Every structure is written in C-alpha cells, then in structure tokens.
N, C-alpha and C. Protein backbone atom coordinates (compact mmCIF):
# COMPACT_ATOMS: atom_id res chain seq x y z
N MET A 1 0.80 -1.14 -0.04
CA MET A 1 0.12 -0.04 -0.13
C MET A 1 0.88 1.20 -0.13
N ILE A 2 0.60 2.02 -0.89
CA ILE A 2 1.47 3.33 -0.80
C ILE A 2 0.70 4.37 0.04
N THR A 3 1.44 5.05 0.86
CA THR A 3 0.87 6.14 1.55
C THR A 3 1.40 7.63 1.32
N ALA A 4 0.79 8.58 1.53
CA ALA A 4 1.13 9.97 1.16
C ALA A 4 1.86 10.34 2.41
N GLN A 5 2.94 11.35 2.32
CA GLN A 5 3.64 11.77 3.53
C GLN A 5 2.70 12.68 4.31
N ALA A 6 3.05 12.82 5.62
CA ALA A 6 2.13 13.63 6.45
C ALA A 6 1.98 14.97 5.86
N GLY A 7 0.62 15.25 5.82
CA GLY A 7 0.34 16.61 5.31
C GLY A 7 0.00 16.71 3.83
N GLN A 8 0.17 15.47 3.11
CA GLN A 8 0.10 15.51 1.66
C GLN A 8 -0.95 14.56 1.20
N THR A 9 -1.47 14.82 0.07
CA THR A 9 -2.31 13.82 -0.60
C THR A 9 -1.58 12.88 -1.52
N MET A 10 -1.96 11.97 -2.13
CA MET A 10 -1.27 11.20 -3.16
C MET A 10 -0.65 11.99 -4.11
N GLY A 11 -1.24 12.93 -4.62
CA GLY A 11 -0.85 13.86 -5.82
C GLY A 11 0.31 14.68 -5.40
N GLY A 12 0.64 14.71 -4.04
CA GLY A 12 1.54 15.80 -3.54
C GLY A 12 1.16 17.05 -3.28
N ILE A 13 -0.12 17.26 -3.30
CA ILE A 13 -0.74 18.58 -3.07
C ILE A 13 -0.90 18.57 -1.57
N PRO A 14 -0.57 19.62 -0.81
CA PRO A 14 -0.78 19.59 0.64
C PRO A 14 -2.23 19.68 0.96
N VAL A 15 -2.55 18.90 2.03
CA VAL A 15 -3.92 18.63 2.42
C VAL A 15 -4.71 19.97 2.62
N SER A 16 -3.96 20.81 3.24
CA SER A 16 -4.66 22.30 3.64
C SER A 16 -5.00 22.90 2.17
N ARG A 17 -4.15 22.91 1.28
CA ARG A 17 -4.53 23.40 0.08
C ARG A 17 -5.65 22.74 -0.75
N GLN A 18 -5.61 21.35 -0.71
CA GLN A 18 -6.74 20.76 -1.26
C GLN A 18 -8.04 21.06 -0.57
N VAL A 19 -8.06 21.04 0.60
CA VAL A 19 -9.38 21.19 1.49
C VAL A 19 -9.85 22.72 0.95
N VAL A 20 -8.99 23.69 0.81
CA VAL A 20 -9.41 25.04 0.47
C VAL A 20 -9.80 25.03 -1.12
N GLN A 21 -9.19 24.22 -1.97
CA GLN A 21 -9.71 24.21 -3.36
C GLN A 21 -11.03 23.48 -3.37
N VAL A 22 -11.30 22.62 -2.76
CA VAL A 22 -12.71 21.77 -2.84
C VAL A 22 -13.76 22.73 -2.10
N VAL A 23 -13.34 23.15 -0.85
CA VAL A 23 -14.34 24.07 -0.42
C VAL A 23 -14.60 25.35 -1.23
N ASP A 24 -13.73 25.82 -1.88
CA ASP A 24 -14.10 27.04 -3.02
C ASP A 24 -14.78 26.57 -4.02
N LEU A 25 -14.70 25.54 -4.43
CA LEU A 25 -15.42 24.79 -5.54
C LEU A 25 -17.09 24.53 -5.14
N ILE A 26 -16.98 24.01 -3.95
CA ILE A 26 -18.39 23.76 -3.41
C ILE A 26 -19.07 25.16 -3.19
N VAL A 27 -18.44 26.07 -2.49
CA VAL A 27 -18.93 27.36 -2.43
C VAL A 27 -19.49 28.16 -3.56
N SER A 28 -18.79 27.84 -4.72
CA SER A 28 -19.02 28.57 -5.85
C SER A 28 -20.22 27.89 -6.56
N ARG A 29 -20.44 26.52 -6.36
CA ARG A 29 -21.55 25.80 -6.68
C ARG A 29 -22.83 26.26 -5.94
N ILE A 30 -22.72 26.57 -4.82
CA ILE A 30 -23.87 27.32 -4.01
C ILE A 30 -24.11 28.50 -4.40
N GLN A 31 -23.20 29.43 -4.53
CA GLN A 31 -23.29 30.77 -4.93
C GLN A 31 -24.06 30.93 -6.52
N GLU A 32 -23.57 29.93 -7.41
CA GLU A 32 -24.26 29.93 -8.68
C GLU A 32 -25.55 29.40 -8.75
N GLY A 33 -25.89 28.73 -7.70
CA GLY A 33 -27.28 28.27 -7.67
C GLY A 33 -27.23 26.68 -8.06
N GLU A 34 -26.29 26.16 -8.33
CA GLU A 34 -26.12 24.87 -8.74
C GLU A 34 -26.44 23.79 -7.58
N ILE A 35 -26.15 24.45 -6.28
CA ILE A 35 -26.62 23.57 -5.20
C ILE A 35 -27.48 24.64 -4.38
N GLN A 36 -28.85 24.39 -4.31
CA GLN A 36 -29.78 25.23 -3.75
C GLN A 36 -29.84 24.89 -2.19
N GLY A 37 -30.36 26.04 -1.64
CA GLY A 37 -30.62 26.12 -0.03
C GLY A 37 -31.19 24.76 0.40
N HIS A 38 -30.85 24.26 1.41
CA HIS A 38 -31.34 23.17 1.99
C HIS A 38 -31.27 21.99 1.24
N ARG A 39 -30.37 22.03 0.24
CA ARG A 39 -30.06 20.71 -0.50
C ARG A 39 -28.59 20.16 0.01
N ARG A 40 -28.60 18.94 -0.09
CA ARG A 40 -27.22 18.28 0.27
C ARG A 40 -26.03 18.85 -0.61
N VAL A 41 -24.99 19.30 -0.01
CA VAL A 41 -23.79 19.69 -0.72
C VAL A 41 -22.85 18.51 -1.18
N ALA A 42 -22.84 17.72 -0.33
CA ALA A 42 -21.96 16.47 -0.63
C ALA A 42 -22.12 15.27 0.51
N THR A 43 -21.47 14.19 0.18
CA THR A 43 -21.33 13.28 1.05
C THR A 43 -19.81 13.01 1.38
N LEU A 44 -19.53 12.44 2.51
CA LEU A 44 -18.08 12.07 2.61
C LEU A 44 -17.66 11.14 1.48
N ARG A 45 -18.39 10.18 1.04
CA ARG A 45 -17.98 9.12 0.21
C ARG A 45 -17.93 9.82 -1.16
N GLY A 46 -18.90 10.76 -1.36
CA GLY A 46 -18.75 11.47 -2.78
C GLY A 46 -17.76 12.29 -2.81
N LEU A 47 -17.28 13.09 -1.57
CA LEU A 47 -15.97 13.81 -1.80
C LEU A 47 -14.67 12.81 -1.98
N ARG A 48 -14.73 11.77 -1.45
CA ARG A 48 -13.61 10.85 -1.54
C ARG A 48 -13.42 10.40 -2.96
N ALA A 49 -14.47 10.09 -3.65
CA ALA A 49 -14.64 9.52 -5.00
C ALA A 49 -14.39 10.78 -5.94
N ASP A 50 -15.10 11.88 -5.77
CA ASP A 50 -14.96 12.73 -6.84
C ASP A 50 -13.44 13.68 -6.57
N HIS A 51 -12.99 13.74 -5.52
CA HIS A 51 -11.82 14.53 -5.40
C HIS A 51 -10.53 13.76 -4.94
N ARG A 52 -10.96 12.19 -4.82
CA ARG A 52 -9.63 11.63 -4.48
C ARG A 52 -8.88 11.98 -3.27
N VAL A 53 -9.74 12.20 -2.11
CA VAL A 53 -9.13 12.61 -0.94
C VAL A 53 -9.39 11.48 0.10
N SER A 54 -8.60 11.42 1.25
CA SER A 54 -9.03 10.61 2.34
C SER A 54 -10.19 10.98 2.89
N ARG A 55 -10.45 10.04 3.86
CA ARG A 55 -11.74 10.42 4.72
C ARG A 55 -11.54 11.50 5.71
N GLU A 56 -10.28 11.44 6.23
CA GLU A 56 -9.93 12.74 7.05
C GLU A 56 -10.05 14.03 6.26
N THR A 57 -9.55 14.06 5.09
CA THR A 57 -9.59 15.40 4.42
C THR A 57 -11.13 15.65 4.00
N ALA A 58 -11.87 14.54 3.90
CA ALA A 58 -13.35 14.88 3.49
C ALA A 58 -13.96 15.38 4.61
N VAL A 59 -13.55 14.91 5.70
CA VAL A 59 -14.20 15.49 7.14
C VAL A 59 -13.74 17.03 7.36
N GLN A 60 -12.58 17.29 6.89
CA GLN A 60 -12.06 18.61 7.03
C GLN A 60 -12.59 19.61 6.02
N ILE A 61 -13.01 19.05 5.07
CA ILE A 61 -13.77 19.88 4.02
C ILE A 61 -15.21 20.20 4.44
N MET A 62 -15.94 19.29 4.95
CA MET A 62 -17.28 19.46 5.63
C MET A 62 -17.12 20.32 6.75
N LEU A 63 -16.12 20.21 7.69
CA LEU A 63 -16.03 21.15 8.83
C LEU A 63 -15.81 22.72 8.44
N LYS A 64 -14.88 22.73 7.19
CA LYS A 64 -14.53 24.12 6.72
C LYS A 64 -16.00 24.73 6.14
N LEU A 65 -16.71 24.05 5.45
CA LEU A 65 -17.93 24.49 4.76
C LEU A 65 -18.89 24.82 5.98
N THR A 66 -18.98 24.05 6.99
CA THR A 66 -20.11 24.45 7.99
C THR A 66 -19.38 25.55 8.89
N SER A 67 -18.01 25.51 9.39
CA SER A 67 -17.52 26.68 10.20
C SER A 67 -17.47 27.99 9.53
N SER A 68 -17.48 27.83 8.08
CA SER A 68 -17.30 29.23 7.35
C SER A 68 -18.99 29.76 7.14
N GLY A 69 -19.89 28.76 7.46
CA GLY A 69 -21.32 29.42 7.28
C GLY A 69 -21.99 29.09 5.91
N TRP A 70 -21.24 28.27 5.16
CA TRP A 70 -21.92 27.97 3.72
C TRP A 70 -22.79 26.84 3.80
N ALA A 71 -22.66 26.10 4.89
CA ALA A 71 -23.42 24.62 4.92
C ALA A 71 -23.66 24.37 6.49
N TYR A 72 -24.59 23.66 6.67
CA TYR A 72 -25.06 23.15 8.06
C TYR A 72 -25.29 21.53 8.00
N THR A 73 -24.98 20.83 9.24
CA THR A 73 -25.05 19.46 9.13
C THR A 73 -26.31 19.21 10.01
N VAL A 74 -27.04 18.22 9.61
CA VAL A 74 -28.25 17.37 10.17
C VAL A 74 -27.69 16.37 10.64
N PRO A 75 -27.61 15.82 11.97
CA PRO A 75 -27.03 14.57 12.34
C PRO A 75 -27.79 13.42 11.63
N TYR A 76 -27.19 12.33 11.22
CA TYR A 76 -27.78 11.14 10.47
C TYR A 76 -28.55 11.59 9.24
N ARG A 77 -28.45 12.83 8.88
CA ARG A 77 -29.18 13.25 7.55
C ARG A 77 -28.24 13.57 6.56
N GLY A 78 -27.08 14.67 6.79
CA GLY A 78 -26.24 15.08 5.87
C GLY A 78 -25.84 16.43 6.14
N THR A 79 -24.99 16.96 5.15
CA THR A 79 -24.59 18.47 5.10
C THR A 79 -25.28 19.11 4.09
N PHE A 80 -25.93 20.20 4.47
CA PHE A 80 -26.78 21.13 3.37
C PHE A 80 -26.33 22.47 3.27
N ALA A 81 -26.62 22.86 2.03
CA ALA A 81 -26.54 24.44 1.60
C ALA A 81 -27.21 25.21 2.47
N VAL A 82 -26.71 26.40 2.90
CA VAL A 82 -27.51 27.48 3.67
C VAL A 82 -28.05 28.31 2.58
N PRO A 83 -29.54 28.53 2.84
CA PRO A 83 -30.33 29.36 1.93
C PRO A 83 -29.65 30.72 1.72
N VAL A 84 -29.85 31.24 0.57
CA VAL A 84 -29.37 32.60 0.04
C VAL A 84 -29.38 33.65 1.00
N HIS A 85 -30.54 33.77 1.62
CA HIS A 85 -30.69 35.04 2.40
C HIS A 85 -30.02 34.79 3.64
N LEU A 86 -29.18 33.56 4.16
CA LEU A 86 -28.61 33.47 5.19
C LEU A 86 -27.14 33.38 4.78
N TRP A 87 -26.73 33.48 3.71
CA TRP A 87 -25.22 33.36 3.36
C TRP A 87 -24.36 34.25 4.27
N PRO A 88 -23.25 33.66 4.62
CA PRO A 88 -22.21 34.42 5.37
C PRO A 88 -21.95 36.00 4.84
N THR A 89 -21.96 35.91 3.69
CA THR A 89 -21.40 37.17 2.77
C THR A 89 -22.62 38.30 3.09
N ARG A 90 -23.57 37.88 3.59
CA ARG A 90 -24.72 38.79 3.74
C ARG A 90 -24.88 39.23 5.30
N SER A 91 -24.25 38.48 6.18
CA SER A 91 -24.22 38.79 7.59
C SER A 91 -23.21 39.77 7.96
N PRO A 92 -23.72 40.86 8.72
CA PRO A 92 -22.73 41.98 9.08
C PRO A 92 -21.65 41.34 10.22
N TYR A 93 -22.24 40.15 10.80
CA TYR A 93 -21.36 39.90 11.99
C TYR A 93 -20.46 38.67 11.68
N GLY A 94 -20.86 37.82 10.72
CA GLY A 94 -20.12 36.59 10.37
C GLY A 94 -20.60 35.43 11.19
N VAL A 95 -20.14 34.12 10.98
CA VAL A 95 -20.47 32.94 11.77
C VAL A 95 -20.32 33.21 13.27
N SER A 96 -20.97 32.92 14.05
CA SER A 96 -20.83 32.90 15.59
C SER A 96 -19.80 31.82 15.96
N ARG A 97 -18.60 32.46 16.35
CA ARG A 97 -17.35 31.43 16.53
C ARG A 97 -17.52 30.75 17.95
N GLY A 98 -17.02 29.47 17.95
CA GLY A 98 -17.14 28.82 19.33
C GLY A 98 -18.48 28.41 19.69
N THR A 99 -19.46 28.50 18.90
CA THR A 99 -20.71 27.89 19.11
C THR A 99 -21.01 26.86 18.23
N ARG A 100 -21.64 25.92 18.64
CA ARG A 100 -22.14 24.64 17.87
C ARG A 100 -23.40 24.91 17.56
N LEU A 101 -23.73 24.73 16.24
CA LEU A 101 -25.13 24.78 15.95
C LEU A 101 -25.98 23.50 16.37
N ASP A 102 -26.99 23.76 17.15
CA ASP A 102 -27.82 22.67 17.65
C ASP A 102 -29.17 22.57 16.83
N LEU A 103 -29.40 21.69 16.18
CA LEU A 103 -30.57 21.69 15.39
C LEU A 103 -31.55 20.49 16.02
N ASN A 104 -31.17 20.02 17.27
CA ASN A 104 -32.11 19.01 18.06
C ASN A 104 -33.53 19.62 18.27
N GLY A 105 -34.38 18.93 17.86
CA GLY A 105 -35.98 19.49 18.06
C GLY A 105 -36.35 20.27 16.96
N VAL A 106 -35.64 20.38 15.89
CA VAL A 106 -36.18 21.47 14.75
C VAL A 106 -37.04 20.53 14.01
N GLY A 107 -38.45 21.09 13.74
CA GLY A 107 -39.32 20.26 13.04
C GLY A 107 -39.83 20.97 11.94
N THR A 108 -39.49 22.06 11.64
CA THR A 108 -40.02 23.00 10.31
C THR A 108 -38.85 23.62 9.83
N ILE A 109 -38.90 23.99 8.47
CA ILE A 109 -37.86 24.84 7.95
C ILE A 109 -37.70 26.10 8.57
N GLN A 110 -38.92 26.66 9.08
CA GLN A 110 -38.84 28.07 9.78
C GLN A 110 -38.01 27.87 11.01
N GLU A 111 -38.22 26.85 11.97
CA GLU A 111 -37.42 26.81 12.96
C GLU A 111 -35.92 26.64 12.60
N LEU A 112 -35.60 25.74 11.56
CA LEU A 112 -34.33 25.57 11.02
C LEU A 112 -33.65 26.87 10.71
N GLU A 113 -34.27 27.75 9.70
CA GLU A 113 -33.74 28.96 9.46
C GLU A 113 -33.55 29.99 10.47
N SER A 114 -34.50 29.78 11.44
CA SER A 114 -34.34 30.84 12.72
C SER A 114 -32.98 30.50 13.34
N ARG A 115 -32.69 29.11 13.73
CA ARG A 115 -31.42 28.87 14.28
C ARG A 115 -30.21 29.19 13.56
N LEU A 116 -30.47 28.94 12.02
CA LEU A 116 -29.19 29.17 11.34
C LEU A 116 -29.00 30.57 11.43
N ALA A 117 -29.97 31.49 11.25
CA ALA A 117 -29.82 33.04 11.35
C ALA A 117 -29.09 33.36 12.76
N GLU A 118 -29.60 32.93 13.68
CA GLU A 118 -28.99 33.07 14.97
C GLU A 118 -27.41 32.56 14.99
N HIS A 119 -27.23 31.60 14.51
CA HIS A 119 -25.91 31.04 14.46
C HIS A 119 -24.92 31.78 13.63
N LEU A 120 -25.44 32.25 12.44
CA LEU A 120 -24.57 32.89 11.39
C LEU A 120 -24.60 34.62 11.93
N GLY A 121 -25.20 34.70 12.94
CA GLY A 121 -24.93 36.27 13.35
C GLY A 121 -25.85 37.31 12.77
N PHE A 122 -27.01 37.00 12.10
CA PHE A 122 -28.11 37.74 11.71
C PHE A 122 -28.87 38.19 12.94
N THR A 123 -29.16 39.45 13.20
CA THR A 123 -30.12 39.95 14.04
C THR A 123 -31.49 39.89 13.79
N GLU A 124 -32.33 39.91 14.58
CA GLU A 124 -33.63 39.83 14.33
C GLU A 124 -34.36 41.10 14.57
C-alpha cells in the first residue's frame, strides 16, 4: 500500500490546499445556484470519490464548509447548503465563533432557518 507523506495527498498537493480548493469549488456551486439552499452539498463518500481525498480530508472539507457558514449539518441526515438569504457574505457579523449549531428538536424549515440565522450572526 502506498501512503502519502504527512500533510500531503497522493498527488503531492498539501492537504490544507486541497481542502481550500474543494471548499471554494463547493461554495462557488452554492453561489451559482447549482446547489440550492437546504439541498445536500456532498457526502463524505462522494468527496472521496470525486476529489480523490482521504476520509480525514473529506471530514475537514465538511467542517470548513460548516464553520464558514456555507453549509449546516443535520445529524444522521447530511450536510446541506445554507439558503441565500442566510449566506455568510450577507451577515454583518459573520458566523458565531465557538458555538455549535444545535438542530435538535427542529421540526420545520422556519425553525431551522431561525436557528441558522442566529448561528450565522443575523439580528432579528
């Protein structure tokens, strides 16, 4: 089995750079409307297959998408695009740092968007 050196993928591209490249690609797909709000952005398996990254790198990509405010994760369901009116580029405050988005008990899209808005720093 061939393994990559620490911090690099099989192609020799540093993992941190590959994460940024894939995140930028997905964000651009969200901004262009190819991935609509509340639609799945990707799966770990899909990222691994499409971008030839390790599972750990795929997890980093998903974490970067959610921590930057372009996606949210629903446990046991997947990672979904944030709707356009809640994009981080539209928030004057940015993503709430150090807080975890809690979606437990969310039953409607309105409740979901309300929690997303609070997490992303939108004032009411």
